């Protein structure tokens, strides 16, 4: 028969294990889910999602396990310390998730430009070696058009798929998708 002390150790170990499983699930499956409408993405709530729950459970279980196994504190003190650790884990992961979910909403043009690198676009106005053309792509669910030039200096006809390499001064440097695809 298991003693109360051993039962507490197993309880906290199990809670921590469940937290680890939830965290691994979040790592493998992510937290962004498709919305109901095609192409629409619904961001998770920053304060209630799988990584936040996983972090809280891991913190609760780890502090409870270590305190029960290696300290002489009574059960109530260990429970309070474990709950405090869970709250700190919850708050810490909530802050991290909020920063993640809100990225790009602060209208930092550098973040937007980095996010666009590698985006597939369609040429809407032909690009020539001497004149800029125009491309269109979808960014955060909104159709966008921007001036473009070919990295290779080639002529690119309207309707051709290209990949955005970088954007500088409102002009996208693009490469033919067929060339990028060959490298993959």
Protein backbone atom coordinates (compact mmCIF):
# COMPACT_ATOMS: atom_id res chain seq x y z
CA UNK A 1 0.00 0.00 0.00
CA UNK A 2 1.29 3.45 -0.91
CA UNK A 3 1.90 6.01 1.84
CA UNK A 4 0.39 9.51 1.70
CA UNK A 5 3.83 10.96 1.00
CA UNK A 6 4.40 8.58 -1.95
CA UNK A 7 0.87 9.30 -3.21
CA UNK A 8 1.61 13.03 -3.26
CA UNK A 9 4.82 12.42 -5.21
CA UNK A 10 2.95 10.33 -7.79
CA UNK A 11 0.15 12.95 -7.98
CA UNK A 12 2.56 15.81 -8.72
CA UNK A 13 4.57 13.69 -11.16
CA UNK A 14 1.39 12.79 -13.05
CA UNK A 15 0.25 16.42 -13.20
CA UNK A 16 3.65 17.45 -14.55
CA UNK A 17 3.50 14.59 -17.08
CA UNK A 18 0.07 15.69 -18.29
CA UNK A 19 1.45 19.23 -18.67
CA UNK A 20 4.35 17.89 -20.74
CA UNK A 21 1.96 15.94 -22.96
CA UNK A 22 -0.16 19.04 -23.52
CA UNK A 23 2.95 21.11 -24.30
CA UNK A 24 4.18 18.50 -26.80
CA UNK A 25 0.73 18.41 -28.39
CA UNK A 26 0.83 22.20 -28.74
CA UNK A 27 4.32 22.02 -30.20
CA UNK A 28 3.33 19.42 -32.79
CA UNK A 29 -0.09 20.78 -33.70
CA UNK A 30 0.36 24.50 -33.08
CA UNK A 31 -2.14 26.92 -31.65
CA UNK A 32 -3.46 28.65 -34.77
CA UNK A 33 -6.67 27.13 -36.00
CA UNK A 34 -8.57 27.74 -39.20
CA UNK A 35 -11.70 29.81 -38.78
CA UNK A 36 -15.07 28.85 -40.17
CA UNK A 37 -14.65 30.77 -43.40
CA UNK A 38 -12.16 29.49 -45.99
CA UNK A 39 -8.84 31.29 -45.74
CA UNK A 40 -9.72 32.87 -42.40
CA UNK A 41 -7.40 32.23 -39.48
CA UNK A 42 -8.57 32.48 -35.89
CA UNK A 43 -5.83 33.29 -33.38
CA UNK A 44 -5.93 31.59 -29.98
CA UNK A 45 -6.86 33.47 -26.85
CA UNK A 46 -3.63 34.55 -25.18
CA UNK A 47 -4.78 33.56 -21.68
CA UNK A 48 -6.38 30.21 -22.40
CA UNK A 49 -4.76 27.82 -24.85
CA UNK A 50 -2.76 24.60 -24.83
CA UNK A 51 0.72 26.09 -24.25
CA UNK A 52 -0.54 28.18 -21.31
CA UNK A 53 -2.31 25.22 -19.71
CA UNK A 54 0.73 23.00 -20.32
CA UNK A 55 3.10 25.53 -18.73
CA UNK A 56 0.89 25.91 -15.67
CA UNK A 57 0.57 22.15 -15.17
CA UNK A 58 4.30 21.59 -15.63
CA UNK A 59 5.12 24.31 -13.09
CA UNK A 60 2.52 23.00 -10.62
CA UNK A 61 3.70 19.42 -10.91
CA UNK A 62 7.42 20.19 -10.87
CA UNK A 63 7.30 22.40 -7.78
CA UNK A 64 4.96 19.98 -6.00
CA UNK A 65 7.07 16.95 -6.88
CA UNK A 66 10.39 18.50 -5.89
CA UNK A 67 8.98 20.03 -2.70
CA UNK A 68 7.30 16.81 -1.62
CA UNK A 69 10.32 14.66 -2.38
CA UNK A 70 13.12 16.90 -1.07
CA UNK A 71 11.65 19.19 1.60
CA UNK A 72 10.05 18.83 4.99
CA UNK A 73 7.17 21.25 4.30
CA UNK A 74 3.67 20.08 5.07
CA UNK A 75 1.11 19.20 2.41
CA UNK A 76 -0.73 22.55 2.52
CA UNK A 77 2.48 24.61 2.16
CA UNK A 78 3.57 22.49 -0.81
CA UNK A 79 0.13 22.84 -2.42
CA UNK A 80 0.22 26.63 -1.99
CA UNK A 81 3.75 26.80 -3.45
CA UNK A 82 2.67 24.60 -6.36
CA UNK A 83 -0.37 26.78 -7.05
CA UNK A 84 1.84 29.90 -6.95
CA UNK A 85 4.23 28.26 -9.44
CA UNK A 86 1.29 27.36 -11.67
CA UNK A 87 0.07 30.96 -11.57
CA UNK A 88 3.54 32.24 -12.48
CA UNK A 89 3.77 29.69 -15.31
CA UNK A 90 0.29 30.68 -16.52
CA UNK A 91 1.10 34.40 -16.47
CA UNK A 92 4.50 33.94 -18.07
CA UNK A 93 3.18 31.83 -20.94
CA UNK A 94 0.19 34.17 -21.37
CA UNK A 95 2.56 37.09 -21.87
CA UNK A 96 4.59 35.10 -24.39
CA UNK A 97 1.45 33.98 -26.24
CA UNK A 98 0.04 37.51 -26.25
CA UNK A 99 3.25 38.82 -27.78
CA UNK A 100 3.08 36.04 -30.37
CA UNK A 101 -0.61 36.56 -31.17
CA UNK A 102 -0.22 40.32 -31.41
CA UNK A 103 2.88 40.27 -33.59
CA UNK A 104 2.30 42.26 -36.71
CA UNK A 105 -0.58 44.19 -35.18
CA UNK A 106 1.80 46.92 -34.08
CA UNK A 107 2.35 47.84 -37.75
CA UNK A 108 6.11 47.41 -37.68
CA UNK A 109 7.03 47.52 -41.38
CA UNK A 110 10.19 45.48 -40.79
CA UNK A 111 8.20 42.57 -39.35
CA UNK A 112 5.82 42.74 -42.29
CA UNK A 113 8.65 42.73 -44.83
CA UNK A 114 10.31 39.72 -43.16
CA UNK A 115 6.99 37.89 -43.05
CA UNK A 116 6.49 38.42 -46.77
CA UNK A 117 9.82 36.89 -47.79
CA UNK A 118 9.05 33.67 -49.66
CA UNK A 119 5.43 34.59 -50.39
CA UNK A 120 4.13 33.45 -53.76
CA UNK A 121 2.62 36.27 -55.80
CA UNK A 122 1.15 36.71 -59.27
CA UNK A 123 2.43 39.26 -61.74
CA UNK A 124 -0.47 41.59 -62.61
CA UNK A 125 1.47 44.00 -64.86
CA UNK A 126 4.43 42.68 -66.84
CA UNK A 127 7.92 43.25 -65.46
CA UNK A 128 10.58 44.27 -67.96
CA UNK A 129 14.35 44.72 -67.56
CA UNK A 130 13.92 48.52 -67.72
CA UNK A 131 10.53 49.10 -66.09
CA UNK A 132 8.87 48.00 -62.88
CA UNK A 133 5.86 45.76 -63.07
CA UNK A 134 3.29 44.92 -60.44
CA UNK A 135 2.48 41.84 -58.39
CA UNK A 136 -0.49 40.86 -56.26
CA UNK A 137 -0.58 38.57 -53.24
CA UNK A 138 -2.68 37.98 -50.18
CA UNK A 139 -1.27 39.22 -46.87
CA UNK A 140 -3.14 38.53 -43.63
CA UNK A 141 -6.26 37.88 -45.61
CA UNK A 142 -6.14 41.13 -47.59
CA UNK A 143 -5.30 41.32 -51.29
CA UNK A 144 -2.25 43.52 -51.83
CA UNK A 145 -0.56 44.99 -54.92
CA UNK A 146 2.97 46.34 -55.05
CA UNK A 147 5.53 47.39 -57.64
CA UNK A 148 8.02 44.65 -58.54
CA UNK A 149 11.22 43.97 -60.45
CA UNK A 150 12.81 40.69 -61.44
CA UNK A 151 15.96 39.66 -59.57
CA UNK A 152 17.41 38.20 -62.78
CA UNK A 153 16.48 41.25 -64.83
CA UNK A 154 14.23 39.10 -67.01
CA UNK A 155 10.94 40.01 -68.62
CA UNK A 156 8.09 38.44 -66.68
CA UNK A 157 4.65 38.39 -68.29
CA UNK A 158 1.39 39.03 -66.46
CA UNK A 159 -0.12 35.94 -64.88
CA UNK A 160 3.25 34.38 -63.99
CA UNK A 161 3.79 33.15 -60.44
CA UNK A 162 6.79 34.63 -58.65
CA UNK A 163 8.26 34.49 -55.16
CA UNK A 164 8.99 37.62 -53.15
CA UNK A 165 12.66 37.72 -52.15
CA UNK A 166 12.63 41.09 -50.39
CA UNK A 167 10.88 44.43 -50.38
CA UNK A 168 12.88 47.64 -50.42
CA UNK A 169 11.42 51.15 -50.69
CA UNK A 170 8.03 49.79 -51.70
CA UNK A 171 9.39 47.64 -54.54
CA UNK A 172 9.42 43.85 -54.35
CA UNK A 173 12.38 41.94 -55.77
CA UNK A 174 10.91 38.74 -57.17
CA UNK A 175 12.10 35.50 -58.69
CA UNK A 176 10.19 33.14 -60.93
CA UNK A 177 8.41 30.44 -58.96
CA UNK A 178 9.56 27.85 -61.51
CA UNK A 179 13.22 28.64 -60.67
CA UNK A 180 12.60 28.54 -56.92
CA UNK A 181 10.68 25.28 -57.29
CA UNK A 182 13.64 23.64 -59.06
CA UNK A 183 15.89 24.46 -56.09
CA UNK A 184 13.47 22.83 -53.69
